[in-house]
Structure formats: C-alpha cells, structure tokens
N, C-alpha and C. Protein backbone atom coordinates (compact mmCIF):
# COMPACT_ATOMS: atom_id res chain seq x y z
N UNK A 1 -18.81 12.72 0.68
CA UNK A 1 -19.32 11.37 0.73
C UNK A 1 -18.79 10.72 2.00
N UNK A 2 -19.66 10.07 2.75
CA UNK A 2 -19.22 9.42 3.98
C UNK A 2 -18.39 8.19 3.63
N UNK A 3 -17.53 7.84 4.59
CA UNK A 3 -16.65 6.69 4.35
C UNK A 3 -17.47 5.41 4.18
N UNK A 4 -18.51 5.25 5.00
CA UNK A 4 -19.34 4.05 4.92
C UNK A 4 -20.01 3.93 3.55
N UNK A 5 -20.51 5.05 3.04
CA UNK A 5 -21.14 5.06 1.72
C UNK A 5 -20.11 4.72 0.64
N UNK A 6 -18.91 5.28 0.78
CA UNK A 6 -17.84 5.01 -0.17
C UNK A 6 -17.48 3.53 -0.18
N UNK A 7 -17.41 2.92 0.99
CA UNK A 7 -17.10 1.49 1.09
C UNK A 7 -18.18 0.66 0.41
N UNK A 8 -19.43 1.01 0.67
CA UNK A 8 -20.55 0.27 0.03
C UNK A 8 -20.48 0.39 -1.49
N UNK A 9 -20.21 1.60 -1.97
CA UNK A 9 -20.12 1.80 -3.41
C UNK A 9 -18.97 0.99 -4.00
N UNK A 10 -17.83 0.95 -3.30
CA UNK A 10 -16.69 0.16 -3.77
C UNK A 10 -17.04 -1.33 -3.80
N UNK A 11 -17.76 -1.79 -2.79
CA UNK A 11 -18.17 -3.19 -2.77
C UNK A 11 -19.10 -3.51 -3.95
N UNK A 12 -19.98 -2.59 -4.25
CA UNK A 12 -20.87 -2.77 -5.41
C UNK A 12 -20.07 -2.79 -6.71
N UNK A 13 -19.07 -1.94 -6.80
CA UNK A 13 -18.22 -1.93 -7.99
C UNK A 13 -17.49 -3.26 -8.16
N UNK A 14 -17.02 -3.81 -7.06
CA UNK A 14 -16.33 -5.10 -7.11
C UNK A 14 -17.29 -6.20 -7.57
N UNK A 15 -18.52 -6.16 -7.07
CA UNK A 15 -19.53 -7.14 -7.52
C UNK A 15 -19.79 -7.00 -9.01
N UNK A 16 -19.88 -5.76 -9.49
CA UNK A 16 -20.10 -5.53 -10.92
C UNK A 16 -18.90 -6.01 -11.74
N UNK A 17 -17.69 -5.80 -11.22
CA UNK A 17 -16.50 -6.29 -11.92
C UNK A 17 -16.51 -7.81 -12.01
N UNK A 18 -17.00 -8.47 -10.95
CA UNK A 18 -17.08 -9.93 -10.97
C UNK A 18 -18.02 -10.40 -12.07
N UNK A 19 -18.96 -9.54 -12.45
CA UNK A 19 -19.88 -9.84 -13.57
C UNK A 19 -19.31 -9.33 -14.89
N UNK A 20 -18.02 -8.97 -14.87
CA UNK A 20 -17.27 -8.51 -16.05
C UNK A 20 -17.79 -7.18 -16.61
N UNK A 21 -18.16 -6.27 -15.70
CA UNK A 21 -18.58 -4.92 -16.08
C UNK A 21 -17.33 -4.03 -16.10
N UNK A 22 -16.81 -3.77 -17.30
CA UNK A 22 -15.59 -2.98 -17.44
C UNK A 22 -15.78 -1.54 -16.95
N UNK A 23 -16.98 -1.03 -17.04
CA UNK A 23 -17.25 0.32 -16.55
C UNK A 23 -17.02 0.43 -15.05
N UNK A 24 -17.32 -0.63 -14.32
CA UNK A 24 -17.10 -0.65 -12.88
C UNK A 24 -15.60 -0.59 -12.58
N UNK A 25 -14.81 -1.31 -13.38
CA UNK A 25 -13.35 -1.26 -13.20
C UNK A 25 -12.84 0.16 -13.45
N UNK A 26 -13.37 0.81 -14.45
CA UNK A 26 -12.95 2.18 -14.76
C UNK A 26 -13.24 3.12 -13.59
N UNK A 27 -14.42 3.01 -13.01
CA UNK A 27 -14.78 3.87 -11.87
C UNK A 27 -13.89 3.55 -10.67
N UNK A 28 -13.66 2.26 -10.40
CA UNK A 28 -12.81 1.84 -9.28
C UNK A 28 -11.39 2.36 -9.48
N UNK A 29 -10.90 2.29 -10.71
CA UNK A 29 -9.57 2.80 -11.04
C UNK A 29 -9.50 4.31 -10.81
N UNK A 30 -10.49 5.04 -11.29
CA UNK A 30 -10.49 6.50 -11.14
C UNK A 30 -10.49 6.89 -9.66
N UNK A 31 -11.20 6.14 -8.85
CA UNK A 31 -11.30 6.44 -7.42
C UNK A 31 -10.01 6.18 -6.66
N UNK A 32 -9.33 5.09 -7.01
CA UNK A 32 -8.26 4.61 -6.13
C UNK A 32 -6.88 4.53 -6.76
N UNK A 33 -6.74 4.85 -8.02
CA UNK A 33 -5.42 4.72 -8.65
C UNK A 33 -4.41 5.69 -8.04
N UNK A 34 -4.85 6.86 -7.62
CA UNK A 34 -3.93 7.84 -7.04
C UNK A 34 -3.28 7.35 -5.75
N UNK A 35 -4.09 6.84 -4.83
CA UNK A 35 -3.54 6.37 -3.56
C UNK A 35 -2.72 5.10 -3.78
N UNK A 36 -3.16 4.23 -4.69
CA UNK A 36 -2.39 3.02 -4.99
C UNK A 36 -1.05 3.40 -5.61
N UNK A 37 -1.08 4.34 -6.54
CA UNK A 37 0.16 4.77 -7.19
C UNK A 37 1.12 5.38 -6.18
N UNK A 38 0.62 6.15 -5.23
CA UNK A 38 1.47 6.76 -4.21
C UNK A 38 2.20 5.69 -3.40
N UNK A 39 1.47 4.66 -2.99
CA UNK A 39 2.09 3.57 -2.23
C UNK A 39 3.13 2.86 -3.09
N UNK A 40 2.75 2.52 -4.33
CA UNK A 40 3.67 1.81 -5.23
C UNK A 40 4.91 2.64 -5.49
N UNK A 41 4.72 3.91 -5.76
CA UNK A 41 5.85 4.80 -6.05
C UNK A 41 6.79 4.89 -4.86
N UNK A 42 6.23 4.99 -3.68
CA UNK A 42 7.07 5.06 -2.48
C UNK A 42 7.87 3.78 -2.32
N UNK A 43 7.27 2.65 -2.63
CA UNK A 43 7.96 1.38 -2.47
C UNK A 43 8.97 1.13 -3.59
N UNK A 44 8.57 1.36 -4.82
CA UNK A 44 9.39 1.01 -5.98
C UNK A 44 10.44 2.09 -6.27
N UNK A 45 10.05 3.35 -6.15
CA UNK A 45 10.99 4.43 -6.31
C UNK A 45 11.33 4.80 -7.74
N UNK A 46 10.70 4.19 -8.70
CA UNK A 46 10.97 4.46 -10.11
C UNK A 46 9.62 4.61 -10.80
N UNK A 47 9.39 5.76 -11.41
CA UNK A 47 8.08 6.07 -11.99
C UNK A 47 7.65 5.05 -13.04
N UNK A 48 8.55 4.67 -13.94
CA UNK A 48 8.19 3.73 -15.01
C UNK A 48 7.78 2.37 -14.41
N UNK A 49 8.57 1.89 -13.44
CA UNK A 49 8.23 0.62 -12.80
C UNK A 49 6.93 0.74 -12.02
N UNK A 50 6.73 1.89 -11.35
CA UNK A 50 5.50 2.10 -10.57
C UNK A 50 4.27 2.09 -11.48
N UNK A 51 4.38 2.70 -12.66
CA UNK A 51 3.26 2.69 -13.60
C UNK A 51 2.95 1.27 -14.07
N UNK A 52 4.01 0.48 -14.32
CA UNK A 52 3.80 -0.92 -14.71
C UNK A 52 3.13 -1.71 -13.59
N UNK A 53 3.61 -1.50 -12.37
CA UNK A 53 3.04 -2.21 -11.22
C UNK A 53 1.57 -1.81 -11.04
N UNK A 54 1.27 -0.53 -11.21
CA UNK A 54 -0.11 -0.06 -11.07
C UNK A 54 -1.03 -0.80 -12.07
N UNK A 55 -0.58 -0.94 -13.30
CA UNK A 55 -1.38 -1.67 -14.29
C UNK A 55 -1.54 -3.13 -13.89
N UNK A 56 -0.45 -3.74 -13.38
CA UNK A 56 -0.53 -5.12 -12.91
C UNK A 56 -1.53 -5.26 -11.76
N UNK A 57 -1.53 -4.28 -10.88
CA UNK A 57 -2.44 -4.31 -9.73
C UNK A 57 -3.89 -4.31 -10.20
N UNK A 58 -4.22 -3.40 -11.10
CA UNK A 58 -5.62 -3.33 -11.54
C UNK A 58 -5.99 -4.50 -12.45
N UNK A 59 -5.03 -5.07 -13.13
CA UNK A 59 -5.30 -6.30 -13.89
C UNK A 59 -5.64 -7.43 -12.91
N UNK A 60 -4.88 -7.52 -11.80
CA UNK A 60 -5.15 -8.53 -10.79
C UNK A 60 -6.51 -8.28 -10.14
N UNK A 61 -6.85 -7.03 -9.87
CA UNK A 61 -8.16 -6.70 -9.32
C UNK A 61 -9.25 -7.22 -10.25
N UNK A 62 -9.10 -6.96 -11.54
CA UNK A 62 -10.08 -7.41 -12.54
C UNK A 62 -10.18 -8.93 -12.57
N UNK A 63 -9.04 -9.59 -12.52
CA UNK A 63 -9.02 -11.05 -12.61
C UNK A 63 -9.51 -11.73 -11.32
N UNK A 64 -9.30 -11.10 -10.18
CA UNK A 64 -9.59 -11.77 -8.91
C UNK A 64 -10.68 -11.09 -8.09
N UNK A 65 -11.46 -10.23 -8.72
CA UNK A 65 -12.49 -9.51 -7.96
C UNK A 65 -13.51 -10.47 -7.35
N UNK A 66 -13.72 -11.63 -7.96
CA UNK A 66 -14.66 -12.60 -7.41
C UNK A 66 -14.16 -13.20 -6.09
N UNK A 67 -12.86 -13.01 -5.78
CA UNK A 67 -12.29 -13.53 -4.54
C UNK A 67 -12.38 -12.54 -3.38
N UNK A 68 -12.78 -11.30 -3.67
CA UNK A 68 -12.86 -10.30 -2.61
C UNK A 68 -13.86 -10.76 -1.55
N UNK A 69 -13.46 -10.65 -0.28
CA UNK A 69 -14.30 -11.06 0.84
C UNK A 69 -14.45 -9.86 1.78
N UNK A 70 -15.65 -9.27 1.79
CA UNK A 70 -15.90 -8.07 2.59
C UNK A 70 -15.65 -8.29 4.08
N UNK A 71 -15.78 -9.52 4.55
CA UNK A 71 -15.57 -9.79 5.97
C UNK A 71 -14.09 -9.69 6.36
N UNK A 72 -13.20 -9.68 5.38
CA UNK A 72 -11.76 -9.63 5.66
C UNK A 72 -11.20 -8.22 5.56
N UNK A 73 -12.00 -7.26 5.10
CA UNK A 73 -11.50 -5.89 5.04
C UNK A 73 -12.22 -5.08 3.99
N UNK A 74 -11.97 -3.79 4.03
CA UNK A 74 -12.60 -2.86 3.09
C UNK A 74 -11.93 -2.97 1.73
N UNK A 75 -12.65 -2.57 0.68
CA UNK A 75 -12.09 -2.65 -0.68
C UNK A 75 -10.75 -1.94 -0.84
N UNK A 76 -10.60 -0.78 -0.23
CA UNK A 76 -9.35 -0.04 -0.37
C UNK A 76 -8.19 -0.82 0.28
N UNK A 77 -8.45 -1.42 1.43
CA UNK A 77 -7.41 -2.22 2.08
C UNK A 77 -7.02 -3.42 1.21
N UNK A 78 -8.02 -4.04 0.57
CA UNK A 78 -7.77 -5.17 -0.34
C UNK A 78 -6.90 -4.70 -1.51
N UNK A 79 -7.26 -3.58 -2.10
CA UNK A 79 -6.50 -3.04 -3.22
C UNK A 79 -5.06 -2.72 -2.81
N UNK A 80 -4.89 -2.08 -1.67
CA UNK A 80 -3.54 -1.69 -1.24
C UNK A 80 -2.70 -2.90 -0.85
N UNK A 81 -3.33 -3.96 -0.40
CA UNK A 81 -2.60 -5.21 -0.14
C UNK A 81 -2.06 -5.78 -1.44
N UNK A 82 -2.88 -5.76 -2.47
CA UNK A 82 -2.44 -6.23 -3.79
C UNK A 82 -1.31 -5.33 -4.29
N UNK A 83 -1.46 -4.01 -4.13
CA UNK A 83 -0.43 -3.07 -4.58
C UNK A 83 0.88 -3.31 -3.84
N UNK A 84 0.81 -3.54 -2.56
CA UNK A 84 2.01 -3.79 -1.78
C UNK A 84 2.70 -5.07 -2.23
N UNK A 85 1.93 -6.12 -2.43
CA UNK A 85 2.50 -7.40 -2.85
C UNK A 85 3.15 -7.28 -4.22
N UNK A 86 2.47 -6.64 -5.15
CA UNK A 86 3.03 -6.44 -6.49
C UNK A 86 4.28 -5.57 -6.45
N UNK A 87 4.29 -4.59 -5.57
CA UNK A 87 5.47 -3.72 -5.44
C UNK A 87 6.66 -4.52 -4.92
N UNK A 88 6.42 -5.36 -3.95
CA UNK A 88 7.50 -6.20 -3.41
C UNK A 88 8.03 -7.11 -4.51
N UNK A 89 7.15 -7.69 -5.31
CA UNK A 89 7.59 -8.52 -6.43
C UNK A 89 8.51 -7.73 -7.36
N UNK A 90 8.14 -6.50 -7.64
CA UNK A 90 8.93 -5.64 -8.51
C UNK A 90 10.29 -5.33 -7.89
N UNK A 91 10.29 -5.00 -6.61
CA UNK A 91 11.53 -4.66 -5.91
C UNK A 91 12.49 -5.84 -5.95
N UNK A 92 11.96 -7.02 -5.77
CA UNK A 92 12.81 -8.20 -5.72
C UNK A 92 13.28 -8.66 -7.09
N UNK A 93 12.71 -8.12 -8.13
CA UNK A 93 13.14 -8.49 -9.48
C UNK A 93 14.24 -7.57 -9.96
N UNK A 94 14.88 -7.95 -10.97
CA UNK A 94 16.03 -7.33 -11.64
C UNK A 94 16.42 -5.93 -11.23
N UNK A 95 16.20 -4.97 -12.05
CA UNK A 95 16.75 -3.62 -11.89
C UNK A 95 16.15 -2.86 -10.72
N UNK A 96 14.95 -3.16 -10.33
CA UNK A 96 14.30 -2.40 -9.26
C UNK A 96 15.08 -2.46 -7.96
N UNK A 97 15.68 -3.60 -7.68
CA UNK A 97 16.42 -3.72 -6.44
C UNK A 97 17.63 -2.80 -6.42
N UNK A 98 18.27 -2.59 -7.58
CA UNK A 98 19.42 -1.70 -7.65
C UNK A 98 19.03 -0.24 -7.46
N UNK A 99 17.81 0.10 -7.77
CA UNK A 99 17.37 1.49 -7.68
C UNK A 99 17.00 1.93 -6.26
N UNK A 100 16.94 0.99 -5.32
CA UNK A 100 16.52 1.35 -3.96
C UNK A 100 17.41 2.42 -3.33
N UNK A 101 18.70 2.39 -3.59
CA UNK A 101 19.59 3.41 -3.03
C UNK A 101 19.28 4.79 -3.58
N UNK A 102 18.83 4.84 -4.83
CA UNK A 102 18.52 6.13 -5.45
C UNK A 102 17.25 6.75 -4.86
N UNK A 103 16.40 5.94 -4.25
CA UNK A 103 15.15 6.45 -3.67
C UNK A 103 15.43 7.54 -2.67
N UNK A 104 16.38 7.32 -1.80
CA UNK A 104 16.63 8.25 -0.71
C UNK A 104 17.18 9.58 -1.24
N UNK A 105 17.96 9.55 -2.30
CA UNK A 105 18.54 10.76 -2.85
C UNK A 105 17.50 11.62 -3.58
N UNK A 106 16.48 10.97 -4.11
CA UNK A 106 15.51 11.72 -4.91
C UNK A 106 14.16 11.86 -4.21
N UNK A 107 14.17 11.95 -2.89
CA UNK A 107 12.92 12.03 -2.13
C UNK A 107 12.05 13.20 -2.58
N UNK A 108 12.64 14.38 -2.72
CA UNK A 108 11.83 15.54 -3.09
C UNK A 108 11.35 15.43 -4.53
N UNK A 109 12.16 14.86 -5.42
CA UNK A 109 11.77 14.70 -6.81
C UNK A 109 10.59 13.74 -6.93
N UNK A 110 10.64 12.64 -6.18
CA UNK A 110 9.54 11.66 -6.21
C UNK A 110 8.25 12.28 -5.72
N UNK A 111 8.35 13.06 -4.65
CA UNK A 111 7.16 13.69 -4.11
C UNK A 111 6.53 14.62 -5.13
N UNK A 112 7.36 15.38 -5.83
CA UNK A 112 6.86 16.33 -6.83
C UNK A 112 6.25 15.61 -8.03
N UNK A 113 6.72 14.39 -8.35
CA UNK A 113 6.22 13.70 -9.54
C UNK A 113 5.04 12.79 -9.24
N UNK A 114 4.66 12.66 -7.97
CA UNK A 114 3.52 11.82 -7.63
C UNK A 114 2.23 12.49 -8.09
N UNK A 115 1.24 11.69 -8.51
CA UNK A 115 0.00 12.30 -8.94
C UNK A 115 -0.69 13.01 -7.78
N UNK A 116 -1.27 14.15 -8.05
CA UNK A 116 -1.96 14.92 -7.02
C UNK A 116 -3.44 14.59 -7.10
N UNK A 117 -4.03 14.36 -5.96
CA UNK A 117 -5.46 14.08 -5.94
C UNK A 117 -6.11 15.05 -4.96
N UNK A 118 -7.28 15.51 -5.29
CA UNK A 118 -7.99 16.46 -4.44
C UNK A 118 -8.95 15.76 -3.48
N UNK A 119 -8.91 14.47 -3.45
CA UNK A 119 -9.86 13.72 -2.67
C UNK A 119 -9.65 13.95 -1.17
N UNK A 120 -10.70 14.34 -0.50
CA UNK A 120 -10.65 14.53 0.95
C UNK A 120 -10.33 13.20 1.63
N UNK A 121 -10.91 12.15 1.14
CA UNK A 121 -10.72 10.84 1.76
C UNK A 121 -9.26 10.41 1.67
N UNK A 122 -8.64 10.59 0.51
CA UNK A 122 -7.24 10.22 0.35
C UNK A 122 -6.37 11.01 1.31
N UNK A 123 -6.61 12.29 1.43
CA UNK A 123 -5.85 13.12 2.36
C UNK A 123 -6.07 12.71 3.80
N UNK A 124 -7.30 12.39 4.12
CA UNK A 124 -7.63 11.97 5.47
C UNK A 124 -6.92 10.65 5.81
N UNK A 125 -6.92 9.71 4.88
CA UNK A 125 -6.25 8.43 5.09
C UNK A 125 -4.76 8.65 5.26
N UNK A 126 -4.18 9.46 4.39
CA UNK A 126 -2.74 9.74 4.46
C UNK A 126 -2.38 10.33 5.82
N UNK A 127 -3.15 11.32 6.28
CA UNK A 127 -2.88 11.95 7.58
C UNK A 127 -3.02 10.95 8.71
N UNK A 128 -4.04 10.11 8.65
CA UNK A 128 -4.24 9.12 9.71
C UNK A 128 -3.08 8.14 9.77
N UNK A 129 -2.61 7.68 8.61
CA UNK A 129 -1.49 6.75 8.58
C UNK A 129 -0.22 7.42 9.10
N UNK A 130 0.03 8.65 8.69
CA UNK A 130 1.21 9.38 9.17
C UNK A 130 1.16 9.56 10.69
N UNK A 131 -0.01 9.92 11.22
CA UNK A 131 -0.14 10.09 12.66
C UNK A 131 0.06 8.77 13.39
N UNK A 132 -0.53 7.70 12.84
CA UNK A 132 -0.40 6.39 13.47
C UNK A 132 1.05 5.92 13.46
N UNK A 133 1.74 6.11 12.34
CA UNK A 133 3.16 5.74 12.28
C UNK A 133 3.99 6.60 13.23
N UNK A 134 3.67 7.88 13.30
CA UNK A 134 4.39 8.78 14.19
C UNK A 134 4.21 8.45 15.66
N UNK A 135 3.09 7.82 15.98
CA UNK A 135 2.81 7.46 17.38
C UNK A 135 3.58 6.21 17.81
N UNK A 136 4.10 5.45 16.85
CA UNK A 136 4.86 4.25 17.19
C UNK A 136 6.24 4.64 17.71
N UNK A 137 6.80 3.76 18.52
CA UNK A 137 8.18 3.99 18.96
C UNK A 137 9.10 3.76 17.76
N UNK A 138 10.26 4.34 17.81
CA UNK A 138 11.25 4.17 16.73
C UNK A 138 11.59 2.69 16.55
N UNK A 139 11.61 1.94 17.67
CA UNK A 139 11.93 0.51 17.61
C UNK A 139 10.88 -0.28 16.83
N UNK A 140 9.64 0.18 16.84
CA UNK A 140 8.57 -0.49 16.07
C UNK A 140 8.48 0.08 14.66
N UNK A 141 8.61 1.39 14.53
CA UNK A 141 8.43 2.04 13.23
C UNK A 141 9.50 1.63 12.22
N UNK A 142 10.75 1.59 12.63
CA UNK A 142 11.83 1.30 11.69
C UNK A 142 11.68 -0.08 11.03
N UNK A 143 11.49 -1.16 11.80
CA UNK A 143 11.32 -2.46 11.13
C UNK A 143 10.06 -2.51 10.25
N UNK A 144 8.99 -1.83 10.68
CA UNK A 144 7.77 -1.80 9.86
C UNK A 144 8.02 -1.11 8.53
N UNK A 145 8.70 0.03 8.57
CA UNK A 145 8.99 0.75 7.33
C UNK A 145 9.90 -0.06 6.41
N UNK A 146 10.88 -0.75 6.99
CA UNK A 146 11.77 -1.58 6.17
C UNK A 146 10.99 -2.73 5.52
N UNK A 147 10.06 -3.30 6.28
CA UNK A 147 9.29 -4.42 5.74
C UNK A 147 8.28 -3.97 4.69
N UNK A 148 7.53 -2.92 4.96
CA UNK A 148 6.42 -2.55 4.09
C UNK A 148 6.79 -1.56 2.99
N UNK A 149 7.78 -0.71 3.22
CA UNK A 149 8.13 0.27 2.20
C UNK A 149 9.39 -0.10 1.45
N UNK A 150 10.24 -0.94 2.04
CA UNK A 150 11.46 -1.38 1.37
C UNK A 150 11.33 -2.81 0.86
N UNK A 151 10.30 -3.54 1.33
CA UNK A 151 10.10 -4.91 0.87
C UNK A 151 11.10 -5.90 1.45
N UNK A 152 11.73 -5.54 2.56
CA UNK A 152 12.73 -6.43 3.15
C UNK A 152 12.06 -7.54 3.94
N UNK A 153 12.69 -8.70 3.94
CA UNK A 153 12.20 -9.82 4.75
C UNK A 153 12.59 -9.60 6.21
N UNK A 154 11.99 -10.36 7.11
CA UNK A 154 12.32 -10.24 8.53
C UNK A 154 13.81 -10.53 8.75
N UNK A 155 14.33 -11.53 8.06
CA UNK A 155 15.74 -11.89 8.19
C UNK A 155 16.64 -10.76 7.73
N UNK A 156 16.29 -10.12 6.61
CA UNK A 156 17.07 -8.99 6.11
C UNK A 156 17.02 -7.81 7.08
N UNK A 157 15.87 -7.58 7.67
CA UNK A 157 15.73 -6.49 8.64
C UNK A 157 16.60 -6.76 9.87
N UNK A 158 16.54 -8.00 10.37
CA UNK A 158 17.33 -8.36 11.54
C UNK A 158 18.82 -8.13 11.27
N UNK A 159 19.28 -8.52 10.09
CA UNK A 159 20.69 -8.32 9.73
C UNK A 159 21.01 -6.84 9.61
N UNK A 160 20.13 -6.06 8.98
CA UNK A 160 20.38 -4.64 8.77
C UNK A 160 20.41 -3.87 10.09
N UNK A 161 19.56 -4.27 11.02
CA UNK A 161 19.48 -3.56 12.31
C UNK A 161 20.38 -4.16 13.38
N UNK A 162 20.97 -5.34 13.07
CA UNK A 162 21.82 -6.00 14.06
C UNK A 162 21.04 -6.47 15.27
N UNK A 163 19.81 -6.94 15.03
CA UNK A 163 18.96 -7.39 16.11
C UNK A 163 18.56 -8.85 15.88
N UNK A 164 18.22 -9.56 16.97
CA UNK A 164 17.76 -10.94 16.79
C UNK A 164 16.46 -11.00 15.97
N UNK A 165 16.31 -12.06 15.19
CA UNK A 165 15.13 -12.22 14.33
C UNK A 165 13.84 -12.19 15.14
N UNK A 166 13.81 -12.86 16.29
CA UNK A 166 12.61 -12.86 17.13
C UNK A 166 12.22 -11.48 17.60
N UNK A 167 13.21 -10.66 17.92
CA UNK A 167 12.95 -9.28 18.36
C UNK A 167 12.32 -8.48 17.23
N UNK A 168 12.88 -8.64 16.02
CA UNK A 168 12.35 -7.92 14.86
C UNK A 168 10.91 -8.35 14.60
N UNK A 169 10.65 -9.64 14.60
CA UNK A 169 9.29 -10.14 14.35
C UNK A 169 8.32 -9.62 15.41
N UNK A 170 8.74 -9.61 16.66
CA UNK A 170 7.88 -9.13 17.75
C UNK A 170 7.58 -7.64 17.60
N UNK A 171 8.58 -6.86 17.23
CA UNK A 171 8.37 -5.42 17.08
C UNK A 171 7.45 -5.11 15.90
N UNK A 172 7.59 -5.87 14.83
CA UNK A 172 6.71 -5.67 13.68
C UNK A 172 5.27 -6.05 14.06
N UNK A 173 5.12 -7.18 14.72
CA UNK A 173 3.78 -7.62 15.12
C UNK A 173 3.14 -6.63 16.08
N UNK A 174 3.89 -6.18 17.08
CA UNK A 174 3.37 -5.22 18.04
C UNK A 174 3.02 -3.90 17.36
N UNK A 175 3.89 -3.46 16.46
CA UNK A 175 3.62 -2.23 15.71
C UNK A 175 2.35 -2.35 14.89
N UNK A 176 2.15 -3.50 14.25
CA UNK A 176 0.95 -3.72 13.45
C UNK A 176 -0.31 -3.71 14.32
N UNK A 177 -0.22 -4.27 15.51
CA UNK A 177 -1.36 -4.26 16.42
C UNK A 177 -1.73 -2.81 16.76
N UNK A 178 -0.72 -2.00 17.05
CA UNK A 178 -0.97 -0.58 17.36
C UNK A 178 -1.56 0.15 16.15
N UNK A 179 -1.02 -0.13 14.97
CA UNK A 179 -1.55 0.52 13.76
C UNK A 179 -2.99 0.11 13.50
N UNK A 180 -3.30 -1.17 13.66
CA UNK A 180 -4.68 -1.64 13.46
C UNK A 180 -5.66 -0.92 14.39
N UNK A 181 -5.24 -0.75 15.63
CA UNK A 181 -6.09 -0.03 16.58
C UNK A 181 -6.27 1.42 16.17
N UNK A 182 -5.16 2.06 15.80
CA UNK A 182 -5.22 3.48 15.45
C UNK A 182 -5.97 3.72 14.15
N UNK A 183 -5.92 2.76 13.25
CA UNK A 183 -6.55 2.94 11.91
C UNK A 183 -7.80 2.10 11.73
N UNK A 184 -8.38 1.66 12.84
CA UNK A 184 -9.55 0.78 12.78
C UNK A 184 -10.66 1.35 11.89
N UNK A 185 -10.88 2.63 11.94
CA UNK A 185 -11.94 3.25 11.16
C UNK A 185 -11.67 3.17 9.66
N UNK A 186 -10.43 2.97 9.26
CA UNK A 186 -10.07 2.95 7.84
C UNK A 186 -9.91 1.54 7.28
N UNK A 187 -9.93 0.55 8.12
CA UNK A 187 -9.72 -0.83 7.67
C UNK A 187 -11.02 -1.55 7.45
C-alpha cells in the first residue's frame, strides 16, 4: 500500500470516528498500536505503564478525533504526538519517574518484549527516523533524545548537560529543523 493511500485511509477512519463509528477506531488501532506502543514503551520503560498509556492514547483519539486537522500533519504524526504527550505525563507522575534509571539496564529485555509488527511501513518509518537521528551531530541528538524520549524539560536538560538554557533550546530547535527536512515524506 502506498504511503499516500495509507494517509488517505487514515484520514477517512478519523472522519468515521468523528461520527462515532467504533469499527473505524478498531481499524485505526490495529494499524497503528504497534508503532505507538513502541514509542510509549521506549519513553515509559515499564510494560504495564506503557499498556495503560496506550489505552489512554486511543481513548483520547476517540474523544478528540473531531479536532484532527489534516493541514497540520498526517494522522500517524497526530497519533504519535498524543502518545508522546501522554507518555511524558506518565513519566512525570508517581512511580514512572523512579523507573527511568531501570530503563538503561533493561534495554535488551525491553526490545525483546516490544510487540513485533510485520508492517513494511512501520519498518520504513523506524529506519528513516534512525537514519535521520544518526545524521544529527551529537550536540543536537543528545538534547533531543533527552527531551523526547526521557521527557525532560529544557531546564532539566541544560542542568544535566551543564550547558546554558539558550544553547540547549537552540540545539533542540536546530535538530528538529534537520529532522523535519529529513523526514518530510513521513510527516
């Protein structure tokens, strides 16, 4: 299936969900829950919390599908933005924040427990993101990863890296500009 066709189908599913078609939500979930779960799991680091966040994400999709604006991005980007925001909420709440240190020790275990998907599109997106991140300088990549995968604020990143806040903000912004260019076909 071409990416353009997939985007159109996702947009149609969102329109059907806005009309309270539960079947459309089921199809949207089946298509994208794997990639959403992978992002959430990487951010949260705890399978039980990640499963809860995933359910919260799709509940929010169901509740706010009428707010989706195709001119602001593709359906998958919209979904992953919701997933990222919900993951950050989870990280900042109670026990999830304490588990962040355990994430690094169980990297291989987390990878093995992530759901496997055979979707060519998911693999293609993953490879494109990995290549785009790899193309960034270490000075841009590190603050971006801390912000998006660790849920740290700019102030927390500046303190952790021992760099001025303005420098951190500039590197994140510049890194995002480079990522947007490299991933334009996926956004």
